């Protein structure tokens, strides 16, 4: 599977993105992304949906550690700690919070991990991906070990990120007349 096999040729992923965009639009929730190992694929999949501008604020591709630090505000305490680093729950949460703040969106998802084929670290094999979700209620992280080659890991990460964003939108809907946080 090559990168070209991603959206829009992946009907199930396109449908999930279209459902997410419709749900976010109907609930009045804006979304954004902070991506490392997926390199902007999550935001690209969302914006492949016609009308996505009603809900999608944008995305930050923070492939480099310096961008995670400077643009998203991930702390040096996380990035410089060998036990944590860029592939950790703490980094994923701070990336999502940074995207929410930087993009001015209600809900943000982040993706950081090791897509391969190299980059494996002790305790962090290829396929290790951390996801962060930031909403007005706070932030949380989720770890997955995704199987396959680089393209398959990245595609699996996009699918998981879209599902996580959907959860965040469901938790965050705004009622008419209630101001956004």
Protein backbone atom coordinates (compact mmCIF):
# COMPACT_ATOMS: atom_id res chain seq x y z
CA UNK A 1 0.00 0.00 0.00
CA UNK A 2 1.44 3.37 -1.00
CA UNK A 3 0.60 6.85 0.22
CA UNK A 4 -1.53 7.30 -2.90
CA UNK A 5 -3.86 4.65 -1.47
CA UNK A 6 -5.03 7.12 1.16
CA UNK A 7 -8.03 9.38 0.73
CA UNK A 8 -9.96 9.97 -1.44
CA UNK A 9 -9.70 6.36 -2.70
CA UNK A 10 -10.33 4.94 0.79
CA UNK A 11 -14.13 5.06 0.90
CA UNK A 12 -14.46 4.02 4.55
CA UNK A 13 -12.02 6.70 5.70
CA UNK A 14 -13.66 9.32 3.51
CA UNK A 15 -17.06 8.38 4.97
CA UNK A 16 -15.70 8.63 8.53
CA UNK A 17 -14.28 12.08 7.75
CA UNK A 18 -17.53 13.20 6.10
CA UNK A 19 -19.50 12.01 9.14
CA UNK A 20 -17.11 13.82 11.49
CA UNK A 21 -17.32 17.08 9.51
CA UNK A 22 -21.13 16.89 9.41
CA UNK A 23 -21.31 16.14 13.14
CA UNK A 24 -18.91 18.95 14.07
CA UNK A 25 -20.76 21.41 11.84
CA UNK A 26 -24.15 20.44 13.27
CA UNK A 27 -22.87 20.74 16.84
CA UNK A 28 -21.04 24.01 16.21
CA UNK A 29 -17.65 22.53 17.12
CA UNK A 30 -14.43 23.51 15.35
CA UNK A 31 -11.59 21.00 15.02
CA UNK A 32 -7.87 21.02 14.36
CA UNK A 33 -4.85 18.75 14.22
CA UNK A 34 -1.23 18.56 15.35
CA UNK A 35 0.63 15.89 13.43
CA UNK A 36 4.08 14.42 13.46
CA UNK A 37 4.37 10.91 11.98
CA UNK A 38 1.26 11.39 9.83
CA UNK A 39 2.72 14.55 8.25
CA UNK A 40 -0.62 16.31 7.74
CA UNK A 41 -2.59 13.31 6.47
CA UNK A 42 -5.31 13.67 9.12
CA UNK A 43 -6.01 17.28 8.19
CA UNK A 44 -5.70 16.39 4.50
CA UNK A 45 -8.33 13.68 4.89
CA UNK A 46 -10.69 16.01 6.73
CA UNK A 47 -10.32 18.78 4.17
CA UNK A 48 -10.97 16.34 1.30
CA UNK A 49 -14.61 16.51 2.43
CA UNK A 50 -16.57 19.23 0.62
CA UNK A 51 -17.77 21.83 3.11
CA UNK A 52 -15.11 20.95 5.68
CA UNK A 53 -14.23 24.63 6.12
CA UNK A 54 -17.36 24.94 8.28
CA UNK A 55 -15.64 22.86 11.00
CA UNK A 56 -11.92 22.43 10.27
CA UNK A 57 -9.69 25.28 11.50
CA UNK A 58 -6.43 23.78 10.25
CA UNK A 59 -3.47 21.71 11.24
CA UNK A 60 0.11 22.01 12.41
CA UNK A 61 2.63 19.56 10.98
CA UNK A 62 5.23 19.36 13.72
CA UNK A 63 7.53 16.71 12.30
CA UNK A 64 10.59 18.30 13.93
CA UNK A 65 11.05 18.49 17.70
CA UNK A 66 11.86 22.19 17.34
CA UNK A 67 8.40 22.82 15.85
CA UNK A 68 6.71 20.85 18.63
CA UNK A 69 8.50 23.12 21.08
CA UNK A 70 8.23 26.51 19.31
CA UNK A 71 4.80 26.31 17.65
CA UNK A 72 2.85 23.91 19.88
CA UNK A 73 4.51 24.73 23.19
CA UNK A 74 5.56 21.21 24.10
CA UNK A 75 7.80 21.62 27.15
CA UNK A 76 11.50 20.93 27.29
CA UNK A 77 10.83 18.82 30.35
CA UNK A 78 8.97 16.39 28.08
CA UNK A 79 11.03 16.65 24.90
CA UNK A 80 14.44 16.53 26.60
CA UNK A 81 13.63 13.66 28.96
CA UNK A 82 14.89 10.38 27.43
CA UNK A 83 12.17 8.48 29.32
CA UNK A 84 9.49 10.60 27.62
CA UNK A 85 10.50 12.47 24.47
CA UNK A 86 8.44 13.13 21.37
CA UNK A 87 6.80 9.69 21.45
CA UNK A 88 4.97 9.85 24.77
CA UNK A 89 1.60 10.52 26.34
CA UNK A 90 2.85 13.82 27.71
CA UNK A 91 4.02 15.02 24.30
CA UNK A 92 0.76 13.93 22.62
CA UNK A 93 -1.34 15.79 25.21
CA UNK A 94 0.76 18.95 24.98
CA UNK A 95 0.67 18.83 21.17
CA UNK A 96 -3.14 18.61 21.19
CA UNK A 97 -3.41 21.43 23.73
CA UNK A 98 -0.98 23.50 21.65
CA UNK A 99 -2.99 22.92 18.48
CA UNK A 100 -6.20 23.90 20.23
CA UNK A 101 -4.57 27.11 21.45
CA UNK A 102 -2.69 27.94 18.22
CA UNK A 103 -5.58 27.19 15.87
CA UNK A 104 -8.31 28.58 18.12
CA UNK A 105 -10.39 25.43 17.77
CA UNK A 106 -12.70 23.68 20.21
CA UNK A 107 -11.28 20.18 19.78
CA UNK A 108 -7.82 19.13 18.60
CA UNK A 109 -6.20 15.78 18.01
CA UNK A 110 -2.49 15.05 17.89
CA UNK A 111 -0.46 12.18 16.47
CA UNK A 112 3.17 11.41 17.34
CA UNK A 113 4.93 8.12 16.87
CA UNK A 114 7.30 5.84 15.01
CA UNK A 115 6.00 4.89 11.56
CA UNK A 116 9.19 3.14 10.51
CA UNK A 117 10.95 1.51 8.96
CA UNK A 118 13.61 2.87 11.35
CA UNK A 119 13.45 4.98 14.49
CA UNK A 120 12.73 2.22 16.98
CA UNK A 121 13.74 3.04 20.57
CA UNK A 122 13.82 0.88 23.70
CA UNK A 123 10.21 0.29 24.71
CA UNK A 124 8.99 2.09 21.58
CA UNK A 125 8.94 -0.31 18.63
CA UNK A 126 8.03 0.69 15.10
CA UNK A 127 4.26 1.18 15.04
CA UNK A 128 4.13 2.89 18.45
CA UNK A 129 1.81 5.87 18.09
CA UNK A 130 0.52 8.23 20.78
CA UNK A 131 -2.62 10.26 20.19
CA UNK A 132 -3.70 13.30 22.16
CA UNK A 133 -7.14 14.82 22.39
CA UNK A 134 -7.75 18.30 23.78
CA UNK A 135 -11.26 19.62 24.44
CA UNK A 136 -12.63 22.38 26.65
CA UNK A 137 -12.81 19.74 29.41
CA UNK A 138 -9.08 18.91 29.28
CA UNK A 139 -6.63 16.63 27.52
CA UNK A 140 -5.95 12.93 27.42
CA UNK A 141 -3.68 10.55 25.55
CA UNK A 142 -4.06 7.13 23.97
CA UNK A 143 -1.33 4.71 22.85
CA UNK A 144 -1.64 2.24 20.02
CA UNK A 145 0.81 -0.25 18.55
CA UNK A 146 -0.16 -0.28 14.87
CA UNK A 147 0.87 -3.16 12.59
CA UNK A 148 2.29 -3.04 9.10
CA UNK A 149 4.76 -1.10 7.04
CA UNK A 150 5.19 2.69 7.13
CA UNK A 151 2.17 3.42 4.94
CA UNK A 152 -0.06 1.04 6.92
CA UNK A 153 1.02 2.50 10.27
CA UNK A 154 0.32 6.01 9.02
CA UNK A 155 -3.08 5.02 7.60
CA UNK A 156 -4.00 3.28 10.85
CA UNK A 157 -2.96 6.41 12.74
CA UNK A 158 -5.17 8.59 10.54
CA UNK A 159 -8.15 6.30 11.16
CA UNK A 160 -7.56 6.36 14.92
CA UNK A 161 -7.14 10.15 14.96
CA UNK A 162 -10.42 10.66 13.08
CA UNK A 163 -12.22 8.36 15.54
CA UNK A 164 -10.70 10.23 18.49
CA UNK A 165 -11.72 13.59 17.03
CA UNK A 166 -15.25 12.26 16.68
CA UNK A 167 -15.25 11.35 20.40
CA UNK A 168 -14.09 14.86 21.22
CA UNK A 169 -16.80 16.45 19.10
CA UNK A 170 -19.45 14.27 20.74
CA UNK A 171 -18.24 15.37 24.17
CA UNK A 172 -18.06 19.05 23.23
CA UNK A 173 -21.24 20.05 21.39
CA UNK A 174 -22.41 23.58 22.11
CA UNK A 175 -26.04 24.49 22.60
CA UNK A 176 -27.54 27.45 20.82
CA UNK A 177 -26.81 30.69 22.58
CA UNK A 178 -24.12 29.25 24.83
CA UNK A 179 -20.76 30.92 24.22
CA UNK A 180 -17.78 28.84 23.26
CA UNK A 181 -14.99 28.53 25.81
